Amino acid sequence: MIDQTAWAARFKAGAPYQLKEALDIAERLNWVVIEYRDDHSAKGDCLWAILPDVNPEFWLDATPTKDEAIAICESMGWPIRKA
């Protein structure tokens, strides 16, 4: 079950109030894109965001490197489309 994955545990630790929405989106998505985005925590602080097709503004996860983002998508079985 998706709520038992390492991704869900990480998401819950970082954004517990959005976990239900994240699980719902993750279960409905067809594919994701990975984009280098400003996380707005500090000037010029960007991360590789994993964005689902069903809600492209919702960050399912974000990592410092693109390789890490790809690894998460592969472990979750999320197909990646080019942005």
C-alpha atoms as a PDB file:
ATOM      1  CA  MET A   1       0.000   0.000   0.000  1.00  0.00           C
ATOM      2  CA  ILE A   2       1.212   3.466  -0.892  1.00  0.00           C
ATOM      3  CA  ASP A   3       0.732   4.795   2.662  1.00  0.00           C
ATOM      4  CA  GLN A   4       3.296   2.245   3.898  1.00  0.00           C
ATOM      5  CA  THR A   5       6.109   3.384   1.573  1.00  0.00           C
ATOM      6  CA  ALA A   6       9.262   5.248   2.526  1.00  0.00           C
ATOM      7  CA  TRP A   7       7.986   8.137   0.380  1.00  0.00           C
ATOM      8  CA  ALA A   8       4.765   8.393   2.447  1.00  0.00           C
ATOM      9  CA  ALA A   9       6.736   8.325   5.704  1.00  0.00           C
ATOM     10  CA  ARG A  10       9.008  11.127   4.446  1.00  0.00           C
ATOM     11  CA  PHE A  11       6.038  13.153   3.238  1.00  0.00           C
ATOM     12  CA  LYS A  12       4.243  12.725   6.566  1.00  0.00           C
ATOM     13  CA  ALA A  13       7.323  13.907   8.451  1.00  0.00           C
ATOM     14  CA  GLY A  14       7.658  17.024   6.295  1.00  0.00           C
ATOM     15  CA  ALA A  15       4.032  17.959   5.656  1.00  0.00           C
ATOM     16  CA  PRO A  16       1.656  15.905   7.828  1.00  0.00           C
ATOM     17  CA  TYR A  17      -1.374  18.096   7.117  1.00  0.00           C
ATOM     18  CA  GLN A  18      -1.056  17.491   3.368  1.00  0.00           C
ATOM     19  CA  LEU A  19      -0.468  13.733   3.559  1.00  0.00           C
ATOM     20  CA  LYS A  20      -4.068  12.748   2.758  1.00  0.00           C
ATOM     21  CA  GLU A  21      -4.044  14.956  -0.365  1.00  0.00           C
ATOM     22  CA  ALA A  22      -0.623  13.629  -1.394  1.00  0.00           C
ATOM     23  CA  LEU A  23      -1.754  10.004  -1.056  1.00  0.00           C
ATOM     24  CA  ASP A  24      -4.896  10.723  -3.077  1.00  0.00           C
ATOM     25  CA  ILE A  25      -2.885  12.397  -5.845  1.00  0.00           C
ATOM     26  CA  ALA A  26      -0.229   9.664  -5.865  1.00  0.00           C
ATOM     27  CA  GLU A  27      -2.903   7.001  -6.292  1.00  0.00           C
ATOM     28  CA  ARG A  28      -4.579   8.826  -9.217  1.00  0.00           C
ATOM     29  CA  LEU A  29      -1.602  10.097 -11.210  1.00  0.00           C
ATOM     30  CA  ASN A  30      -0.752   8.840 -14.673  1.00  0.00           C
ATOM     31  CA  TRP A  31       2.727  10.349 -14.847  1.00  0.00           C
ATOM     32  CA  VAL A  32       4.965  12.972 -13.255  1.00  0.00           C
ATOM     33  CA  VAL A  33       7.390  15.601 -14.467  1.00  0.00           C
ATOM     34  CA  ILE A  34      10.580  16.605 -12.698  1.00  0.00           C
ATOM     35  CA  GLU A  35      11.370  20.325 -12.800  1.00  0.00           C
ATOM     36  CA  TYR A  36      13.992  22.518 -11.179  1.00  0.00           C
ATOM     37  CA  ARG A  37      11.904  24.891  -9.066  1.00  0.00           C
ATOM     38  CA  ASP A  38      12.448  27.613  -6.499  1.00  0.00           C
ATOM     39  CA  ASP A  39      11.137  26.401  -3.153  1.00  0.00           C
ATOM     40  CA  HIS A  40      10.879  29.997  -1.880  1.00  0.00           C
ATOM     41  CA  SER A  41      12.545  29.177   1.447  1.00  0.00           C
ATOM     42  CA  ALA A  42      15.553  31.347   0.592  1.00  0.00           C
ATOM     43  CA  LYS A  43      16.636  33.406  -2.382  1.00  0.00           C
ATOM     44  CA  GLY A  44      17.951  31.162  -5.124  1.00  0.00           C
ATOM     45  CA  ASP A  45      17.198  27.979  -3.177  1.00  0.00           C
ATOM     46  CA  CYS A  46      15.983  25.539  -5.844  1.00  0.00           C
ATOM     47  CA  LEU A  47      15.102  21.856  -5.723  1.00  0.00           C
ATOM     48  CA  TRP A  48      14.083  19.173  -8.224  1.00  0.00           C
ATOM     49  CA  ALA A  49      10.307  18.959  -7.743  1.00  0.00           C
ATOM     50  CA  ILE A  50       8.214  15.917  -8.630  1.00  0.00           C
ATOM     51  CA  LEU A  51       4.929  17.200 -10.077  1.00  0.00           C
ATOM     52  CA  PRO A  52       1.931  14.947 -10.856  1.00  0.00           C
ATOM     53  CA  ASP A  53      -0.169  15.293 -14.008  1.00  0.00           C
ATOM     54  CA  VAL A  54      -3.416  15.436 -12.008  1.00  0.00           C
ATOM     55  CA  ASN A  55      -2.296  18.490  -9.986  1.00  0.00           C
ATOM     56  CA  PRO A  56       0.877  20.037 -11.478  1.00  0.00           C
ATOM     57  CA  GLU A  57       1.222  22.639  -8.725  1.00  0.00           C
ATOM     58  CA  PHE A  58       1.369  20.003  -5.966  1.00  0.00           C
ATOM     59  CA  TRP A  59       4.886  18.868  -5.066  1.00  0.00           C
ATOM     60  CA  LEU A  60       4.885  15.144  -4.318  1.00  0.00           C
ATOM     61  CA  ASP A  61       8.526  15.473  -3.313  1.00  0.00           C
ATOM     62  CA  ALA A  62      11.584  17.619  -3.924  1.00  0.00           C
ATOM     63  CA  THR A  63      15.262  16.761  -3.807  1.00  0.00           C
ATOM     64  CA  PRO A  64      18.592  18.538  -4.198  1.00  0.00           C
ATOM     65  CA  THR A  65      19.554  16.437  -7.235  1.00  0.00           C
ATOM     66  CA  LYS A  66      17.669  15.243 -10.290  1.00  0.00           C
ATOM     67  CA  ASP A  67      19.066  11.732  -9.804  1.00  0.00           C
ATOM     68  CA  GLU A  68      17.457  11.549  -6.353  1.00  0.00           C
ATOM     69  CA  ALA A  69      14.105  12.656  -7.795  1.00  0.00           C
ATOM     70  CA  ILE A  70      14.357  10.034 -10.540  1.00  0.00           C
ATOM     71  CA  ALA A  71      15.166   7.343  -7.954  1.00  0.00           C
ATOM     72  CA  ILE A  72      12.048   8.243  -5.938  1.00  0.00           C
ATOM     73  CA  CYS A  73       9.872   8.069  -9.046  1.00  0.00           C
ATOM     74  CA  GLU A  74      11.352   4.712 -10.017  1.00  0.00           C
ATOM     75  CA  SER A  75      10.835   3.294  -6.518  1.00  0.00           C
ATOM     76  CA  MET A  76       7.201   4.459  -6.539  1.00  0.00           C
ATOM     77  CA  GLY A  77       6.517   3.287 -10.093  1.00  0.00           C
ATOM     78  CA  TRP A  78       5.688   6.818 -11.272  1.00  0.00           C
ATOM     79  CA  PRO A  79       6.322   7.198 -15.019  1.00  0.00           C
ATOM     80  CA  ILE A  80       8.373  10.313 -15.810  1.00  0.00           C
ATOM     81  CA  ARG A  81       7.517  12.593 -18.726  1.00  0.00           C
ATOM     82  CA  LYS A  82       9.809  15.309 -20.001  1.00  0.00           C
ATOM     83  CA  ALA A  83       8.711  18.771 -18.902  1.00  0.00           C
END
